Amino acid sequence: MSQELEQRVVELETRVAFQEHALNELSDALAQVRLQAAQNAELLRHSLEELKQARGAFYADPAEEPPPPHY
């Protein structure tokens, strides 16, 4: 193998190794973002459920309220 060709192969191998490393880092970051998004979605769902329950406590059912005193 000529010196120039060997140098080009080494450079290409270096680039591929760098790209593989970058791809692994991006994959890890994406996995973390997906996990955090799932946690946030669960937290939001839980918060909305609590809000619905709290709203129900604030607004009484008209059928359960006693009639006004003028009846």
N, C-alpha and C. Protein backbone atom coordinates (compact mmCIF):
# COMPACT_ATOMS: atom_id res chain seq x y z
N MET A 1 0.83 -1.17 0.00
CA MET A 1 0.00 0.00 0.00
C MET A 1 0.88 1.24 0.00
N SER A 2 0.48 2.19 -0.78
CA SER A 2 1.27 3.41 -0.81
C SER A 2 1.00 4.24 0.45
N GLN A 3 1.94 5.10 0.74
CA GLN A 3 1.84 5.94 1.93
C GLN A 3 0.60 6.84 1.87
N GLU A 4 0.32 7.40 0.72
CA GLU A 4 -0.83 8.31 0.56
C GLU A 4 -2.16 7.55 0.75
N LEU A 5 -2.25 6.35 0.17
CA LEU A 5 -3.46 5.56 0.30
C LEU A 5 -3.67 5.12 1.75
N GLU A 6 -2.60 4.74 2.39
CA GLU A 6 -2.70 4.34 3.80
C GLU A 6 -3.15 5.51 4.66
N GLN A 7 -2.65 6.69 4.38
CA GLN A 7 -3.04 7.90 5.13
C GLN A 7 -4.54 8.18 4.93
N ARG A 8 -5.04 8.01 3.73
CA ARG A 8 -6.46 8.24 3.45
C ARG A 8 -7.33 7.23 4.18
N VAL A 9 -6.90 5.96 4.22
CA VAL A 9 -7.65 4.93 4.94
C VAL A 9 -7.69 5.25 6.43
N VAL A 10 -6.57 5.66 6.99
CA VAL A 10 -6.52 6.02 8.41
C VAL A 10 -7.44 7.20 8.69
N GLU A 11 -7.43 8.19 7.80
CA GLU A 11 -8.31 9.35 7.97
C GLU A 11 -9.77 8.95 7.91
N LEU A 12 -10.13 8.08 6.98
CA LEU A 12 -11.51 7.62 6.88
C LEU A 12 -11.93 6.81 8.11
N GLU A 13 -11.03 5.95 8.60
CA GLU A 13 -11.33 5.19 9.80
C GLU A 13 -11.52 6.12 11.01
N THR A 14 -10.73 7.16 11.08
CA THR A 14 -10.86 8.14 12.16
C THR A 14 -12.20 8.85 12.08
N ARG A 15 -12.59 9.24 10.89
CA ARG A 15 -13.88 9.90 10.71
C ARG A 15 -15.04 8.99 11.08
N VAL A 16 -14.96 7.73 10.67
CA VAL A 16 -16.02 6.77 11.00
C VAL A 16 -16.10 6.57 12.51
N ALA A 17 -14.95 6.46 13.16
CA ALA A 17 -14.95 6.29 14.61
C ALA A 17 -15.56 7.50 15.30
N PHE A 18 -15.23 8.70 14.82
CA PHE A 18 -15.80 9.93 15.39
C PHE A 18 -17.32 9.96 15.18
N GLN A 19 -17.76 9.59 14.00
CA GLN A 19 -19.19 9.59 13.71
C GLN A 19 -19.94 8.55 14.54
N GLU A 20 -19.34 7.39 14.74
CA GLU A 20 -19.96 6.38 15.59
C GLU A 20 -20.08 6.88 17.03
N HIS A 21 -19.04 7.54 17.50
CA HIS A 21 -19.07 8.10 18.86
C HIS A 21 -20.16 9.17 18.96
N ALA A 22 -20.23 10.06 18.00
CA ALA A 22 -21.24 11.11 18.00
C ALA A 22 -22.65 10.51 17.92
N LEU A 23 -22.82 9.48 17.11
CA LEU A 23 -24.11 8.82 16.97
C LEU A 23 -24.53 8.17 18.29
N ASN A 24 -23.59 7.55 18.99
CA ASN A 24 -23.90 6.96 20.29
C ASN A 24 -24.30 8.02 21.31
N GLU A 25 -23.60 9.16 21.30
CA GLU A 25 -23.95 10.25 22.21
C GLU A 25 -25.35 10.79 21.90
N LEU A 26 -25.66 10.96 20.62
CA LEU A 26 -26.98 11.44 20.23
C LEU A 26 -28.06 10.44 20.60
N SER A 27 -27.78 9.18 20.44
CA SER A 27 -28.73 8.14 20.80
C SER A 27 -29.02 8.16 22.30
N ASP A 28 -27.97 8.30 23.11
CA ASP A 28 -28.14 8.39 24.56
C ASP A 28 -28.95 9.63 24.94
N ALA A 29 -28.64 10.75 24.30
CA ALA A 29 -29.37 11.99 24.59
C ALA A 29 -30.83 11.86 24.21
N LEU A 30 -31.10 11.23 23.08
CA LEU A 30 -32.49 11.03 22.64
C LEU A 30 -33.23 10.13 23.62
N ALA A 31 -32.58 9.10 24.10
CA ALA A 31 -33.21 8.20 25.07
C ALA A 31 -33.55 8.95 26.36
N GLN A 32 -32.66 9.82 26.80
CA GLN A 32 -32.92 10.61 28.00
C GLN A 32 -34.08 11.58 27.78
N VAL A 33 -34.13 12.20 26.62
CA VAL A 33 -35.21 13.14 26.32
C VAL A 33 -36.54 12.41 26.26
N ARG A 34 -36.56 11.23 25.66
CA ARG A 34 -37.80 10.45 25.59
C ARG A 34 -38.26 10.04 26.98
N LEU A 35 -37.34 9.64 27.84
CA LEU A 35 -37.68 9.26 29.20
C LEU A 35 -38.24 10.46 29.96
N GLN A 36 -37.59 11.60 29.81
CA GLN A 36 -38.07 12.80 30.49
C GLN A 36 -39.43 13.23 29.95
N ALA A 37 -39.65 13.11 28.66
CA ALA A 37 -40.94 13.45 28.07
C ALA A 37 -42.03 12.53 28.60
N ALA A 38 -41.74 11.26 28.75
CA ALA A 38 -42.71 10.32 29.31
C ALA A 38 -43.02 10.67 30.76
N GLN A 39 -41.99 11.03 31.52
CA GLN A 39 -42.20 11.42 32.91
C GLN A 39 -43.04 12.70 32.99
N ASN A 40 -42.76 13.65 32.12
CA ASN A 40 -43.53 14.90 32.10
C ASN A 40 -44.98 14.64 31.70
N ALA A 41 -45.20 13.76 30.75
CA ALA A 41 -46.56 13.43 30.32
C ALA A 41 -47.32 12.78 31.48
N GLU A 42 -46.66 11.90 32.22
CA GLU A 42 -47.31 11.25 33.37
C GLU A 42 -47.61 12.28 34.46
N LEU A 43 -46.70 13.19 34.69
CA LEU A 43 -46.92 14.24 35.69
C LEU A 43 -48.08 15.14 35.28
N LEU A 44 -48.13 15.49 34.01
CA LEU A 44 -49.23 16.31 33.51
C LEU A 44 -50.56 15.58 33.63
N ARG A 45 -50.58 14.31 33.29
CA ARG A 45 -51.81 13.52 33.40
C ARG A 45 -52.28 13.47 34.85
N HIS A 46 -51.33 13.24 35.75
CA HIS A 46 -51.66 13.19 37.17
C HIS A 46 -52.17 14.55 37.67
N SER A 47 -51.53 15.62 37.26
CA SER A 47 -51.94 16.96 37.66
C SER A 47 -53.33 17.29 37.13
N LEU A 48 -53.62 16.92 35.90
CA LEU A 48 -54.94 17.17 35.34
C LEU A 48 -56.01 16.37 36.08
N GLU A 49 -55.69 15.15 36.46
CA GLU A 49 -56.64 14.34 37.23
C GLU A 49 -56.92 14.99 38.58
N GLU A 50 -55.87 15.47 39.24
CA GLU A 50 -56.06 16.15 40.52
C GLU A 50 -56.88 17.42 40.34
N LEU A 51 -56.64 18.15 39.27
CA LEU A 51 -57.39 19.37 39.00
C LEU A 51 -58.87 19.06 38.78
N LYS A 52 -59.15 17.99 38.05
CA LYS A 52 -60.54 17.59 37.84
C LYS A 52 -61.21 17.25 39.16
N GLN A 53 -60.50 16.55 40.03
CA GLN A 53 -61.07 16.19 41.33
C GLN A 53 -61.29 17.44 42.18
N ALA A 54 -60.33 18.36 42.16
CA ALA A 54 -60.46 19.59 42.94
C ALA A 54 -61.59 20.44 42.39
N ARG A 55 -61.74 20.52 41.11
CA ARG A 55 -62.81 21.30 40.50
C ARG A 55 -64.16 20.73 40.91
N GLY A 56 -64.26 19.42 40.97
CA GLY A 56 -65.51 18.79 41.39
C GLY A 56 -65.86 19.15 42.83
N ALA A 57 -64.86 19.33 43.68
CA ALA A 57 -65.12 19.69 45.07
C ALA A 57 -65.59 21.14 45.17
N PHE A 58 -65.14 22.00 44.27
CA PHE A 58 -65.54 23.41 44.31
C PHE A 58 -66.94 23.63 43.76
N TYR A 59 -67.31 22.87 42.78
CA TYR A 59 -68.63 23.02 42.16
C TYR A 59 -69.52 21.89 42.64
N ALA A 60 -70.41 22.22 43.55
CA ALA A 60 -71.31 21.21 44.10
C ALA A 60 -72.38 20.86 43.08
N ASP A 61 -72.86 19.67 43.19
CA ASP A 61 -73.95 19.21 42.33
C ASP A 61 -75.23 19.92 42.75
N PRO A 62 -75.91 20.62 41.83
CA PRO A 62 -77.13 21.35 42.21
C PRO A 62 -78.20 20.44 42.80
N ALA A 63 -78.24 19.19 42.45
CA ALA A 63 -79.24 18.28 42.99
C ALA A 63 -78.99 18.00 44.47
N GLU A 64 -77.75 18.12 44.92
CA GLU A 64 -77.42 17.84 46.31
C GLU A 64 -77.57 19.06 47.21
N GLU A 65 -77.73 20.25 46.66
CA GLU A 65 -77.84 21.46 47.47
C GLU A 65 -79.25 21.58 48.03
N PRO A 66 -79.39 22.10 49.26
CA PRO A 66 -80.73 22.29 49.81
C PRO A 66 -81.45 23.43 49.07
N PRO A 67 -82.75 23.45 49.09
CA PRO A 67 -83.47 24.52 48.40
C PRO A 67 -83.23 25.85 49.10
N PRO A 68 -83.36 26.93 48.36
CA PRO A 68 -83.15 28.25 48.98
C PRO A 68 -84.20 28.49 50.09
N PRO A 69 -83.92 29.39 51.03
CA PRO A 69 -84.81 29.58 52.16
C PRO A 69 -86.19 30.13 51.79
N HIS A 70 -86.35 30.73 50.64
CA HIS A 70 -87.65 31.30 50.30
C HIS A 70 -88.65 30.28 49.79
N TYR A 71 -88.28 29.00 49.74
CA TYR A 71 -89.26 27.98 49.30
C TYR A 71 -90.07 27.50 50.45
